[in-house]
């Protein structure tokens, strides 16, 4: 009739066949034989009613076909998006621990219990998936005996350091720390993102080094975002007091403030924020507040371990949203599509972003 192409009609027929019960399906020849036999036995009034019902059924199928045609015409990529949709699941507790002697331990696969002993330090994995360092005797390890915990793309992990400090590592991040803290300070090095709840010790300030900044605290709660592919290095304070040093100088921030270091201009700014929103990732949520598409997709790429391809210019588009990090990526993308600002197509582990 010129309304549906053969491809679109096949798509409709496949959808109809998938919606039926296989045990009640019969072949086309069997159906014709049964209809012919029934036709001989039915009175004229019933035959007319049957013809009317057939007409109604045909009209219904026609309406479905027309609707499908306009849906596909309006969004030609929709059939590709949903035909090839991959269930890419969210990240989870995945990490590798490298001891000072070079031994690597997969924290993803390790059972709960003791993982290793290091000169008076016991390293265990708890039943809820955390790694805990605990002093069990005289810790003879040097402060230069460093351990490293790393999360891959699609991973996160929580670790309790030897001094009792708790650290939540986000995806694609690494924390380098001594097996035991000795001397006048507690110093660790971070790449990526982490949330810290630092154990108080006035005699030993806690310092976090990144590629550009050094954060110094005595005992406080704060978040550091220091991904290499982000323009800004952000230190956000939730509780206590923090001093942030950079090549352009140092600043002190208060709770619900963020020290934002611009890697391009080499300048530091202090801005007000809702700190609880910044650590939404730790609590299992993506929280987008007037964020660019590019930044949003970098977060999704790290958490779902996917590549991103852009087909179009998105420099002037920003989105708002609050979505669980534990949904499949197709569900997250569907939520973003509700803004009508972007459209997505999934091909394998690649997400294509289109206007």
C-alpha atoms as a PDB file:
ATOM      1  CA  UNK A   1       0.000   0.000   0.000  1.00  0.00           C
ATOM      2  CA  UNK A   2       3.068   2.262   0.006  1.00  0.00           C
ATOM      3  CA  UNK A   3       2.870   2.959   3.751  1.00  0.00           C
ATOM      4  CA  UNK A   4       5.432   0.500   5.170  1.00  0.00           C
ATOM      5  CA  UNK A   5       8.683  -0.644   3.596  1.00  0.00           C
ATOM      6  CA  UNK A   6       9.419  -4.368   3.572  1.00  0.00           C
ATOM      7  CA  UNK A   7      12.014  -3.830   6.285  1.00  0.00           C
ATOM      8  CA  UNK A   8       9.546  -2.013   8.516  1.00  0.00           C
ATOM      9  CA  UNK A   9       6.841  -4.618   7.849  1.00  0.00           C
ATOM     10  CA  UNK A  10       9.246  -7.421   8.795  1.00  0.00           C
ATOM     11  CA  UNK A  11      10.057  -5.570  11.999  1.00  0.00           C
ATOM     12  CA  UNK A  12       6.329  -5.320  12.799  1.00  0.00           C
ATOM     13  CA  UNK A  13       5.716  -8.991  12.001  1.00  0.00           C
ATOM     14  CA  UNK A  14       8.631 -10.059  14.197  1.00  0.00           C
ATOM     15  CA  UNK A  15       7.227  -7.981  17.026  1.00  0.00           C
ATOM     16  CA  UNK A  16       3.789  -9.567  16.621  1.00  0.00           C
ATOM     17  CA  UNK A  17       5.238 -13.101  16.517  1.00  0.00           C
ATOM     18  CA  UNK A  18       7.297 -12.469  19.656  1.00  0.00           C
ATOM     19  CA  UNK A  19       4.143 -11.348  21.463  1.00  0.00           C
ATOM     20  CA  UNK A  20       2.288 -14.658  20.880  1.00  0.00           C
ATOM     21  CA  UNK A  21       2.452 -18.033  22.558  1.00  0.00           C
ATOM     22  CA  UNK A  22       4.476 -20.547  20.475  1.00  0.00           C
ATOM     23  CA  UNK A  23       2.460 -23.550  21.676  1.00  0.00           C
ATOM     24  CA  UNK A  24      -0.663 -22.131  20.054  1.00  0.00           C
ATOM     25  CA  UNK A  25       0.921 -21.225  16.696  1.00  0.00           C
ATOM     26  CA  UNK A  26       0.012 -23.229  13.555  1.00  0.00           C
ATOM     27  CA  UNK A  27       1.276 -23.117   9.987  1.00  0.00           C
ATOM     28  CA  UNK A  28      -0.319 -20.929   7.317  1.00  0.00           C
ATOM     29  CA  UNK A  29      -1.618 -23.974   5.351  1.00  0.00           C
ATOM     30  CA  UNK A  30      -3.189 -25.451   8.488  1.00  0.00           C
ATOM     31  CA  UNK A  31      -4.836 -22.138   9.241  1.00  0.00           C
ATOM     32  CA  UNK A  32      -6.319 -21.918   5.726  1.00  0.00           C
ATOM     33  CA  UNK A  33      -7.706 -25.486   5.947  1.00  0.00           C
ATOM     34  CA  UNK A  34      -9.326 -24.792   9.309  1.00  0.00           C
ATOM     35  CA  UNK A  35     -10.857 -21.537   8.077  1.00  0.00           C
ATOM     36  CA  UNK A  36     -12.252 -23.199   4.920  1.00  0.00           C
ATOM     37  CA  UNK A  37     -13.833 -26.018   6.967  1.00  0.00           C
ATOM     38  CA  UNK A  38     -15.319 -23.547   9.427  1.00  0.00           C
ATOM     39  CA  UNK A  39     -16.628 -21.378   6.612  1.00  0.00           C
ATOM     40  CA  UNK A  40     -18.758 -24.250   5.251  1.00  0.00           C
ATOM     41  CA  UNK A  41     -20.420 -24.827   8.615  1.00  0.00           C
ATOM     42  CA  UNK A  42     -21.172 -21.253   9.678  1.00  0.00           C
ATOM     43  CA  UNK A  43     -24.565 -19.598   9.011  1.00  0.00           C
ATOM     44  CA  UNK A  44     -24.633 -16.435   6.895  1.00  0.00           C
ATOM     45  CA  UNK A  45     -25.061 -14.068   9.875  1.00  0.00           C
ATOM     46  CA  UNK A  46     -21.949 -15.420  11.570  1.00  0.00           C
ATOM     47  CA  UNK A  47     -20.011 -15.281   8.307  1.00  0.00           C
ATOM     48  CA  UNK A  48     -20.886 -11.595   7.977  1.00  0.00           C
ATOM     49  CA  UNK A  49     -19.816 -10.966  11.574  1.00  0.00           C
ATOM     50  CA  UNK A  50     -16.589 -12.819  10.918  1.00  0.00           C
ATOM     51  CA  UNK A  51     -15.909 -10.697   7.839  1.00  0.00           C
ATOM     52  CA  UNK A  52     -16.524  -7.580   9.926  1.00  0.00           C
ATOM     53  CA  UNK A  53     -14.077  -8.768  12.585  1.00  0.00           C
ATOM     54  CA  UNK A  54     -11.499  -9.529   9.913  1.00  0.00           C
ATOM     55  CA  UNK A  55     -11.879  -6.014   8.571  1.00  0.00           C
ATOM     56  CA  UNK A  56     -11.438  -4.543  12.045  1.00  0.00           C
ATOM     57  CA  UNK A  57      -8.331  -6.686  12.595  1.00  0.00           C
ATOM     58  CA  UNK A  58      -6.889  -5.607   9.268  1.00  0.00           C
ATOM     59  CA  UNK A  59      -7.544  -1.961  10.165  1.00  0.00           C
ATOM     60  CA  UNK A  60      -5.807  -2.434  13.521  1.00  0.00           C
ATOM     61  CA  UNK A  61      -2.747  -3.922  11.845  1.00  0.00           C
ATOM     62  CA  UNK A  62      -2.769  -1.053   9.343  1.00  0.00           C
ATOM     63  CA  UNK A  63      -2.848   1.510  12.150  1.00  0.00           C
ATOM     64  CA  UNK A  64       0.083  -0.234  13.876  1.00  0.00           C
ATOM     65  CA  UNK A  65       2.005  -0.232  10.620  1.00  0.00           C
ATOM     66  CA  UNK A  66       1.351   3.460   9.994  1.00  0.00           C
ATOM     67  CA  UNK A  67       2.325   4.296  13.586  1.00  0.00           C
ATOM     68  CA  UNK A  68       5.519   2.299  13.291  1.00  0.00           C
ATOM     69  CA  UNK A  69       6.297   4.050  10.004  1.00  0.00           C
ATOM     70  CA  UNK A  70       6.003   7.526  11.489  1.00  0.00           C
ATOM     71  CA  UNK A  71       7.945   6.495  14.621  1.00  0.00           C
ATOM     72  CA  UNK A  72      10.824   5.232  12.518  1.00  0.00           C
ATOM     73  CA  UNK A  73      10.612   8.217  10.201  1.00  0.00           C
ATOM     74  CA  UNK A  74      10.744  10.618  13.143  1.00  0.00           C
ATOM     75  CA  UNK A  75      13.697   8.787  14.700  1.00  0.00           C
ATOM     76  CA  UNK A  76      15.488   6.670  12.061  1.00  0.00           C
ATOM     77  CA  UNK A  77      18.141   5.583  14.544  1.00  0.00           C
ATOM     78  CA  UNK A  78      15.597   4.244  17.047  1.00  0.00           C
ATOM     79  CA  UNK A  79      15.371   0.802  15.460  1.00  0.00           C
ATOM     80  CA  UNK A  80      19.186   0.607  15.434  1.00  0.00           C
ATOM     81  CA  UNK A  81      19.442   1.782  19.015  1.00  0.00           C
ATOM     82  CA  UNK A  82      17.028  -0.754  20.390  1.00  0.00           C
ATOM     83  CA  UNK A  83      17.832  -3.611  18.028  1.00  0.00           C
ATOM     84  CA  UNK A  84      21.506  -3.449  18.982  1.00  0.00           C
ATOM     85  CA  UNK A  85      21.077  -2.344  22.618  1.00  0.00           C
ATOM     86  CA  UNK A  86      23.675  -3.954  24.839  1.00  0.00           C
ATOM     87  CA  UNK A  87      23.064  -4.540  28.518  1.00  0.00           C
ATOM     88  CA  UNK A  88      26.248  -2.950  29.815  1.00  0.00           C
ATOM     89  CA  UNK A  89      25.995  -3.327  33.569  1.00  0.00           C
ATOM     90  CA  UNK A  90      27.226  -0.876  36.179  1.00  0.00           C
ATOM     91  CA  UNK A  91      30.590  -1.010  37.895  1.00  0.00           C
ATOM     92  CA  UNK A  92      31.191  -2.553  41.302  1.00  0.00           C
ATOM     93  CA  UNK A  93      33.799  -3.368  43.952  1.00  0.00           C
ATOM     94  CA  UNK A  94      36.907  -4.050  41.869  1.00  0.00           C
ATOM     95  CA  UNK A  95      40.499  -3.224  42.744  1.00  0.00           C
ATOM     96  CA  UNK A  96      44.078  -4.470  42.836  1.00  0.00           C
ATOM     97  CA  UNK A  97      46.397  -4.066  45.822  1.00  0.00           C
ATOM     98  CA  UNK A  98      50.158  -3.962  45.184  1.00  0.00           C
ATOM     99  CA  UNK A  99      52.326  -4.554  48.260  1.00  0.00           C
ATOM    100  CA  UNK A 100      55.719  -2.971  48.848  1.00  0.00           C
ATOM    101  CA  UNK A 101      57.441  -6.226  47.790  1.00  0.00           C
ATOM    102  CA  UNK A 102      55.703  -6.095  44.412  1.00  0.00           C
ATOM    103  CA  UNK A 103      53.105  -8.779  45.136  1.00  0.00           C
ATOM    104  CA  UNK A 104      49.723  -8.042  43.538  1.00  0.00           C
ATOM    105  CA  UNK A 105      46.436  -9.103  45.126  1.00  0.00           C
ATOM    106  CA  UNK A 106      43.149  -9.004  43.230  1.00  0.00           C
ATOM    107  CA  UNK A 107      40.703  -7.579  45.742  1.00  0.00           C
ATOM    108  CA  UNK A 108      37.869  -8.314  43.310  1.00  0.00           C
ATOM    109  CA  UNK A 109      38.322 -12.083  43.608  1.00  0.00           C
ATOM    110  CA  UNK A 110      39.889 -12.442  47.051  1.00  0.00           C
ATOM    111  CA  UNK A 111      37.677 -14.074  49.720  1.00  0.00           C
ATOM    112  CA  UNK A 112      37.100 -12.317  53.034  1.00  0.00           C
ATOM    113  CA  UNK A 113      39.779 -12.847  55.654  1.00  0.00           C
ATOM    114  CA  UNK A 114      43.464 -12.089  55.963  1.00  0.00           C
ATOM    115  CA  UNK A 115      45.152 -11.143  52.689  1.00  0.00           C
ATOM    116  CA  UNK A 116      48.743 -10.567  53.831  1.00  0.00           C
ATOM    117  CA  UNK A 117      51.082  -9.694  56.691  1.00  0.00           C
ATOM    118  CA  UNK A 118      53.564  -6.819  56.466  1.00  0.00           C
ATOM    119  CA  UNK A 119      56.030  -6.399  59.352  1.00  0.00           C
ATOM    120  CA  UNK A 120      53.519  -5.931  62.131  1.00  0.00           C
ATOM    121  CA  UNK A 121      50.622  -4.933  59.851  1.00  0.00           C
ATOM    122  CA  UNK A 122      47.709  -7.259  59.085  1.00  0.00           C
ATOM    123  CA  UNK A 123      45.796  -6.678  55.842  1.00  0.00           C
ATOM    124  CA  UNK A 124      42.310  -8.198  55.744  1.00  0.00           C
ATOM    125  CA  UNK A 125      39.246  -8.079  53.538  1.00  0.00           C
ATOM    126  CA  UNK A 126      35.983  -7.765  55.422  1.00  0.00           C
ATOM    127  CA  UNK A 127      32.754  -9.583  54.585  1.00  0.00           C
ATOM    128  CA  UNK A 128      31.274  -6.368  53.142  1.00  0.00           C
ATOM    129  CA  UNK A 129      34.196  -5.969  50.739  1.00  0.00           C
ATOM    130  CA  UNK A 130      36.516  -3.446  52.428  1.00  0.00           C
ATOM    131  CA  UNK A 131      40.273  -3.702  52.930  1.00  0.00           C
ATOM    132  CA  UNK A 132      41.475  -2.942  56.449  1.00  0.00           C
ATOM    133  CA  UNK A 133      45.048  -2.290  57.600  1.00  0.00           C
ATOM    134  CA  UNK A 134      45.579  -3.004  61.285  1.00  0.00           C
ATOM    135  CA  UNK A 135      48.682  -2.807  63.454  1.00  0.00           C
ATOM    136  CA  UNK A 136      49.114  -6.191  65.155  1.00  0.00           C
ATOM    137  CA  UNK A 137      52.547  -5.779  66.704  1.00  0.00           C
ATOM    138  CA  UNK A 138      55.655  -3.666  66.374  1.00  0.00           C
ATOM    139  CA  UNK A 139      55.431  -2.194  62.896  1.00  0.00           C
ATOM    140  CA  UNK A 140      58.989  -2.290  61.606  1.00  0.00           C
ATOM    141  CA  UNK A 141      58.159  -1.317  58.039  1.00  0.00           C
ATOM    142  CA  UNK A 142      59.727   1.860  56.700  1.00  0.00           C
ATOM    143  CA  UNK A 143      57.550   4.820  55.811  1.00  0.00           C
ATOM    144  CA  UNK A 144      58.987   4.440  52.298  1.00  0.00           C
ATOM    145  CA  UNK A 145      57.481   0.927  51.941  1.00  0.00           C
ATOM    146  CA  UNK A 146      54.523   1.973  49.845  1.00  0.00           C
ATOM    147  CA  UNK A 147      51.414   0.038  48.937  1.00  0.00           C
ATOM    148  CA  UNK A 148      49.139   0.977  46.027  1.00  0.00           C
ATOM    149  CA  UNK A 149      45.433   0.299  45.632  1.00  0.00           C
ATOM    150  CA  UNK A 150      44.048   0.786  42.122  1.00  0.00           C
ATOM    151  CA  UNK A 151      40.511   0.612  40.757  1.00  0.00           C
ATOM    152  CA  UNK A 152      39.936  -0.084  37.049  1.00  0.00           C
ATOM    153  CA  UNK A 153      37.319   1.622  34.886  1.00  0.00           C
ATOM    154  CA  UNK A 154      34.065   0.222  36.236  1.00  0.00           C
ATOM    155  CA  UNK A 155      35.514  -0.296  39.717  1.00  0.00           C
ATOM    156  CA  UNK A 156      35.349   1.278  43.174  1.00  0.00           C
ATOM    157  CA  UNK A 157      36.680   0.289  46.579  1.00  0.00           C
ATOM    158  CA  UNK A 158      36.914   1.326  50.208  1.00  0.00           C
ATOM    159  CA  UNK A 159      40.081   0.987  52.272  1.00  0.00           C
ATOM    160  CA  UNK A 160      40.934   1.656  55.916  1.00  0.00           C
ATOM    161  CA  UNK A 161      44.520   2.953  56.130  1.00  0.00           C
ATOM    162  CA  UNK A 162      46.941   2.004  58.943  1.00  0.00           C
ATOM    163  CA  UNK A 163      46.065   5.187  60.920  1.00  0.00           C
ATOM    164  CA  UNK A 164      42.311   4.505  60.775  1.00  0.00           C
ATOM    165  CA  UNK A 165      41.616   6.926  57.912  1.00  0.00           C
ATOM    166  CA  UNK A 166      38.832   5.677  55.616  1.00  0.00           C
ATOM    167  CA  UNK A 167      39.116   6.213  51.867  1.00  0.00           C
ATOM    168  CA  UNK A 168      36.527   5.547  49.148  1.00  0.00           C
ATOM    169  CA  UNK A 169      38.126   5.264  45.703  1.00  0.00           C
ATOM    170  CA  UNK A 170      36.064   6.049  42.615  1.00  0.00           C
ATOM    171  CA  UNK A 171      36.545   4.328  39.234  1.00  0.00           C
ATOM    172  CA  UNK A 172      39.893   4.520  37.399  1.00  0.00           C
ATOM    173  CA  UNK A 173      41.711   5.824  40.474  1.00  0.00           C
ATOM    174  CA  UNK A 174      44.803   4.935  42.503  1.00  0.00           C
ATOM    175  CA  UNK A 175      46.050   5.685  46.003  1.00  0.00           C
ATOM    176  CA  UNK A 176      49.690   5.257  47.033  1.00  0.00           C
ATOM    177  CA  UNK A 177      50.303   5.085  50.804  1.00  0.00           C
ATOM    178  CA  UNK A 178      52.894   3.734  53.273  1.00  0.00           C
ATOM    179  CA  UNK A 179      52.288   0.417  54.997  1.00  0.00           C
ATOM    180  CA  UNK A 180      52.766   2.331  58.255  1.00  0.00           C
ATOM    181  CA  UNK A 181      52.733   6.076  58.970  1.00  0.00           C
ATOM    182  CA  UNK A 182      55.889   7.294  60.708  1.00  0.00           C
ATOM    183  CA  UNK A 183      57.533  10.664  61.233  1.00  0.00           C
ATOM    184  CA  UNK A 184      55.992  14.116  61.263  1.00  0.00           C
ATOM    185  CA  UNK A 185      53.258  13.573  58.674  1.00  0.00           C
ATOM    186  CA  UNK A 186      50.924  11.118  56.984  1.00  0.00           C
ATOM    187  CA  UNK A 187      51.382  11.511  53.224  1.00  0.00           C
ATOM    188  CA  UNK A 188      49.514   9.729  50.421  1.00  0.00           C
ATOM    189  CA  UNK A 189      49.339  10.281  46.656  1.00  0.00           C
ATOM    190  CA  UNK A 190      46.117  10.213  44.624  1.00  0.00           C
ATOM    191  CA  UNK A 191      45.242   9.977  40.958  1.00  0.00           C
ATOM    192  CA  UNK A 192      41.569   9.993  40.021  1.00  0.00           C
ATOM    193  CA  UNK A 193      38.914  10.636  42.661  1.00  0.00           C
ATOM    194  CA  UNK A 194      38.531   9.728  46.318  1.00  0.00           C
ATOM    195  CA  UNK A 195      36.545  10.679  49.379  1.00  0.00           C
ATOM    196  CA  UNK A 196      38.501  10.836  52.670  1.00  0.00           C
ATOM    197  CA  UNK A 197      37.431  10.639  56.295  1.00  0.00           C
ATOM    198  CA  UNK A 198      40.732  11.347  58.008  1.00  0.00           C
ATOM    199  CA  UNK A 199      41.471  10.051  61.509  1.00  0.00           C
ATOM    200  CA  UNK A 200      42.415  12.934  63.796  1.00  0.00           C
ATOM    201  CA  UNK A 201      46.059  13.231  64.825  1.00  0.00           C
ATOM    202  CA  UNK A 202      47.284  16.759  65.580  1.00  0.00           C
ATOM    203  CA  UNK A 203      50.873  15.567  65.815  1.00  0.00           C
ATOM    204  CA  UNK A 204      50.807  14.140  62.259  1.00  0.00           C
ATOM    205  CA  UNK A 205      49.049  16.236  59.611  1.00  0.00           C
ATOM    206  CA  UNK A 206      47.487  14.240  56.776  1.00  0.00           C
ATOM    207  CA  UNK A 207      48.544  15.327  53.284  1.00  0.00           C
ATOM    208  CA  UNK A 208      47.127  14.255  49.932  1.00  0.00           C
ATOM    209  CA  UNK A 209      49.355  14.867  46.922  1.00  0.00           C
ATOM    210  CA  UNK A 210      47.986  15.084  43.382  1.00  0.00           C
ATOM    211  CA  UNK A 211      49.631  16.023  40.122  1.00  0.00           C
ATOM    212  CA  UNK A 212      49.070  19.745  40.760  1.00  0.00           C
ATOM    213  CA  UNK A 213      47.978  20.271  44.363  1.00  0.00           C
ATOM    214  CA  UNK A 214      48.666  19.264  47.948  1.00  0.00           C
ATOM    215  CA  UNK A 215      45.802  19.095  50.438  1.00  0.00           C
ATOM    216  CA  UNK A 216      46.682  19.311  54.141  1.00  0.00           C
ATOM    217  CA  UNK A 217      44.325  18.394  56.986  1.00  0.00           C
ATOM    218  CA  UNK A 218      44.423  17.292  60.594  1.00  0.00           C
ATOM    219  CA  UNK A 219      41.146  15.382  60.717  1.00  0.00           C
ATOM    220  CA  UNK A 220      38.289  16.051  58.366  1.00  0.00           C
ATOM    221  CA  UNK A 221      35.956  14.835  55.604  1.00  0.00           C
ATOM    222  CA  UNK A 222      36.653  15.938  52.045  1.00  0.00           C
ATOM    223  CA  UNK A 223      36.536  14.856  48.397  1.00  0.00           C
ATOM    224  CA  UNK A 224      39.304  15.220  45.816  1.00  0.00           C
ATOM    225  CA  UNK A 225      38.678  14.990  42.071  1.00  0.00           C
ATOM    226  CA  UNK A 226      42.038  14.833  40.289  1.00  0.00           C
ATOM    227  CA  UNK A 227      41.394  12.971  37.039  1.00  0.00           C
ATOM    228  CA  UNK A 228      43.946  13.754  34.357  1.00  0.00           C
ATOM    229  CA  UNK A 229      41.304  14.241  31.654  1.00  0.00           C
ATOM    230  CA  UNK A 230      39.408  16.883  33.648  1.00  0.00           C
ATOM    231  CA  UNK A 231      40.270  20.571  33.303  1.00  0.00           C
ATOM    232  CA  UNK A 232      39.695  21.351  36.976  1.00  0.00           C
ATOM    233  CA  UNK A 233      41.185  19.710  40.049  1.00  0.00           C
ATOM    234  CA  UNK A 234      38.544  20.042  42.755  1.00  0.00           C
ATOM    235  CA  UNK A 235      38.839  19.737  46.521  1.00  0.00           C
ATOM    236  CA  UNK A 236      35.469  19.859  48.290  1.00  0.00           C
ATOM    237  CA  UNK A 237      35.101  20.084  52.068  1.00  0.00           C
ATOM    238  CA  UNK A 238      32.304  18.455  54.020  1.00  0.00           C
ATOM    239  CA  UNK A 239      33.619  18.788  57.574  1.00  0.00           C
ATOM    240  CA  UNK A 240      36.585  20.411  59.334  1.00  0.00           C
ATOM    241  CA  UNK A 241      39.213  22.596  57.672  1.00  0.00           C
ATOM    242  CA  UNK A 242      41.448  22.086  54.652  1.00  0.00           C
ATOM    243  CA  UNK A 243      44.389  23.956  53.152  1.00  0.00           C
ATOM    244  CA  UNK A 244      44.975  23.482  49.410  1.00  0.00           C
ATOM    245  CA  UNK A 245      48.344  24.439  47.895  1.00  0.00           C
ATOM    246  CA  UNK A 246      49.004  24.879  44.179  1.00  0.00           C
ATOM    247  CA  UNK A 247      51.591  26.571  41.913  1.00  0.00           C
ATOM    248  CA  UNK A 248      49.500  29.753  42.172  1.00  0.00           C
ATOM    249  CA  UNK A 249      49.402  29.815  45.980  1.00  0.00           C
ATOM    250  CA  UNK A 250      47.321  28.275  48.746  1.00  0.00           C
ATOM    251  CA  UNK A 251      43.788  28.710  50.051  1.00  0.00           C
ATOM    252  CA  UNK A 252      41.808  27.502  53.041  1.00  0.00           C
ATOM    253  CA  UNK A 253      38.276  26.309  52.557  1.00  0.00           C
ATOM    254  CA  UNK A 254      35.313  25.778  54.861  1.00  0.00           C
ATOM    255  CA  UNK A 255      32.531  23.187  54.715  1.00  0.00           C
ATOM    256  CA  UNK A 256      30.410  23.503  51.559  1.00  0.00           C
ATOM    257  CA  UNK A 257      33.254  25.220  49.727  1.00  0.00           C
ATOM    258  CA  UNK A 258      35.325  23.918  46.844  1.00  0.00           C
ATOM    259  CA  UNK A 259      38.884  24.837  45.871  1.00  0.00           C
ATOM    260  CA  UNK A 260      38.861  24.660  42.088  1.00  0.00           C
ATOM    261  CA  UNK A 261      42.264  24.663  40.391  1.00  0.00           C
ATOM    262  CA  UNK A 262      42.214  25.452  36.668  1.00  0.00           C
ATOM    263  CA  UNK A 263      44.978  23.486  34.929  1.00  0.00           C
ATOM    264  CA  UNK A 264      44.836  25.783  31.896  1.00  0.00           C
ATOM    265  CA  UNK A 265      45.124  29.161  33.618  1.00  0.00           C
ATOM    266  CA  UNK A 266      47.067  27.812  36.660  1.00  0.00           C
ATOM    267  CA  UNK A 267      44.652  29.675  38.930  1.00  0.00           C
ATOM    268  CA  UNK A 268      42.739  28.663  42.030  1.00  0.00           C
ATOM    269  CA  UNK A 269      39.195  29.762  42.835  1.00  0.00           C
ATOM    270  CA  UNK A 270      37.035  29.060  45.882  1.00  0.00           C
ATOM    271  CA  UNK A 271      33.356  28.567  45.115  1.00  0.00           C
ATOM    272  CA  UNK A 272      30.313  27.658  47.238  1.00  0.00           C
ATOM    273  CA  UNK A 273      28.848  24.187  46.634  1.00  0.00           C
ATOM    274  CA  UNK A 274      26.515  21.669  48.212  1.00  0.00           C
ATOM    275  CA  UNK A 275      29.226  19.241  49.334  1.00  0.00           C
ATOM    276  CA  UNK A 276      26.776  16.374  49.757  1.00  0.00           C
ATOM    277  CA  UNK A 277      25.998  16.634  46.035  1.00  0.00           C
ATOM    278  CA  UNK A 278      29.686  16.349  45.135  1.00  0.00           C
ATOM    279  CA  UNK A 279      29.979  12.993  46.919  1.00  0.00           C
ATOM    280  CA  UNK A 280      26.765  11.577  45.443  1.00  0.00           C
ATOM    281  CA  UNK A 281      28.970   9.057  43.576  1.00  0.00           C
ATOM    282  CA  UNK A 282      30.008   7.546  46.935  1.00  0.00           C
ATOM    283  CA  UNK A 283      26.355   7.111  47.859  1.00  0.00           C
ATOM    284  CA  UNK A 284      25.453   5.373  44.593  1.00  0.00           C
ATOM    285  CA  UNK A 285      24.172   8.220  42.409  1.00  0.00           C
ATOM    286  CA  UNK A 286      25.088  10.272  39.371  1.00  0.00           C
ATOM    287  CA  UNK A 287      24.142  13.845  40.181  1.00  0.00           C
ATOM    288  CA  UNK A 288      24.389  16.200  37.216  1.00  0.00           C
ATOM    289  CA  UNK A 289      23.868  19.878  37.936  1.00  0.00           C
ATOM    290  CA  UNK A 290      24.143  22.020  34.823  1.00  0.00           C
ATOM    291  CA  UNK A 291      26.959  19.781  33.565  1.00  0.00           C
ATOM    292  CA  UNK A 292      28.203  19.604  30.013  1.00  0.00           C
ATOM    293  CA  UNK A 293      27.502  16.507  27.931  1.00  0.00           C
ATOM    294  CA  UNK A 294      31.244  15.894  27.672  1.00  0.00           C
ATOM    295  CA  UNK A 295      31.773  15.841  31.431  1.00  0.00           C
ATOM    296  CA  UNK A 296      28.732  13.634  31.977  1.00  0.00           C
ATOM    297  CA  UNK A 297      29.964  11.162  29.384  1.00  0.00           C
ATOM    298  CA  UNK A 298      33.440  11.064  30.955  1.00  0.00           C
ATOM    299  CA  UNK A 299      31.807  10.005  34.226  1.00  0.00           C
ATOM    300  CA  UNK A 300      29.767   7.331  32.475  1.00  0.00           C
ATOM    301  CA  UNK A 301      32.797   6.116  30.515  1.00  0.00           C
ATOM    302  CA  UNK A 302      34.806   5.613  33.709  1.00  0.00           C
ATOM    303  CA  UNK A 303      31.989   3.844  35.555  1.00  0.00           C
ATOM    304  CA  UNK A 304      30.741   1.602  32.739  1.00  0.00           C
ATOM    305  CA  UNK A 305      34.130   1.116  31.042  1.00  0.00           C
ATOM    306  CA  UNK A 306      32.935   2.241  27.616  1.00  0.00           C
ATOM    307  CA  UNK A 307      34.284   4.412  24.804  1.00  0.00           C
ATOM    308  CA  UNK A 308      32.404   7.522  23.708  1.00  0.00           C
ATOM    309  CA  UNK A 309      32.066   8.928  20.194  1.00  0.00           C
ATOM    310  CA  UNK A 310      30.499  12.307  19.402  1.00  0.00           C
ATOM    311  CA  UNK A 311      28.616  13.053  16.190  1.00  0.00           C
ATOM    312  CA  UNK A 312      27.811  16.720  16.423  1.00  0.00           C
ATOM    313  CA  UNK A 313      28.586  19.810  18.479  1.00  0.00           C
ATOM    314  CA  UNK A 314      27.498  19.676  22.122  1.00  0.00           C
ATOM    315  CA  UNK A 315      29.472  22.621  23.507  1.00  0.00           C
ATOM    316  CA  UNK A 316      26.342  24.596  24.419  1.00  0.00           C
ATOM    317  CA  UNK A 317      24.342  21.765  25.984  1.00  0.00           C
ATOM    318  CA  UNK A 318      24.186  21.187  29.742  1.00  0.00           C
ATOM    319  CA  UNK A 319      21.971  18.767  31.647  1.00  0.00           C
ATOM    320  CA  UNK A 320      20.540  18.231  35.113  1.00  0.00           C
ATOM    321  CA  UNK A 321      19.713  14.842  36.565  1.00  0.00           C
ATOM    322  CA  UNK A 322      19.848  12.419  39.484  1.00  0.00           C
ATOM    323  CA  UNK A 323      20.231   8.766  38.444  1.00  0.00           C
ATOM    324  CA  UNK A 324      21.299   5.601  40.261  1.00  0.00           C
ATOM    325  CA  UNK A 325      24.821   4.425  39.407  1.00  0.00           C
ATOM    326  CA  UNK A 326      23.627   0.830  39.630  1.00  0.00           C
ATOM    327  CA  UNK A 327      21.310   0.924  36.629  1.00  0.00           C
ATOM    328  CA  UNK A 328      22.423  -0.582  33.328  1.00  0.00           C
ATOM    329  CA  UNK A 329      23.871   2.030  31.000  1.00  0.00           C
ATOM    330  CA  UNK A 330      20.891   1.768  28.633  1.00  0.00           C
ATOM    331  CA  UNK A 331      18.596   2.877  31.468  1.00  0.00           C
ATOM    332  CA  UNK A 332      20.833   5.840  32.311  1.00  0.00           C
ATOM    333  CA  UNK A 333      21.027   6.914  28.674  1.00  0.00           C
ATOM    334  CA  UNK A 334      17.240   6.588  28.331  1.00  0.00           C
ATOM    335  CA  UNK A 335      16.836   9.001  31.256  1.00  0.00           C
ATOM    336  CA  UNK A 336      19.180  11.507  29.601  1.00  0.00           C
ATOM    337  CA  UNK A 337      17.278  11.190  26.323  1.00  0.00           C
ATOM    338  CA  UNK A 338      14.127  12.429  28.079  1.00  0.00           C
ATOM    339  CA  UNK A 339      15.687  15.910  27.962  1.00  0.00           C
ATOM    340  CA  UNK A 340      15.334  15.806  24.136  1.00  0.00           C
ATOM    341  CA  UNK A 341      18.797  17.393  23.973  1.00  0.00           C
ATOM    342  CA  UNK A 342      20.732  14.255  23.018  1.00  0.00           C
ATOM    343  CA  UNK A 343      20.253  10.814  21.521  1.00  0.00           C
ATOM    344  CA  UNK A 344      22.438   7.753  22.049  1.00  0.00           C
ATOM    345  CA  UNK A 345      23.287   4.606  20.135  1.00  0.00           C
ATOM    346  CA  UNK A 346      25.136   1.650  21.660  1.00  0.00           C
ATOM    347  CA  UNK A 347      27.470  -0.411  19.508  1.00  0.00           C
ATOM    348  CA  UNK A 348      29.306  -3.027  21.529  1.00  0.00           C
ATOM    349  CA  UNK A 349      31.097  -1.076  24.267  1.00  0.00           C
ATOM    350  CA  UNK A 350      30.925   2.183  22.371  1.00  0.00           C
ATOM    351  CA  UNK A 351      28.316   4.866  23.067  1.00  0.00           C
ATOM    352  CA  UNK A 352      27.618   7.239  20.191  1.00  0.00           C
ATOM    353  CA  UNK A 353      26.275  10.671  21.190  1.00  0.00           C
ATOM    354  CA  UNK A 354      24.100  12.478  18.633  1.00  0.00           C
ATOM    355  CA  UNK A 355      21.988  15.653  18.651  1.00  0.00           C
END
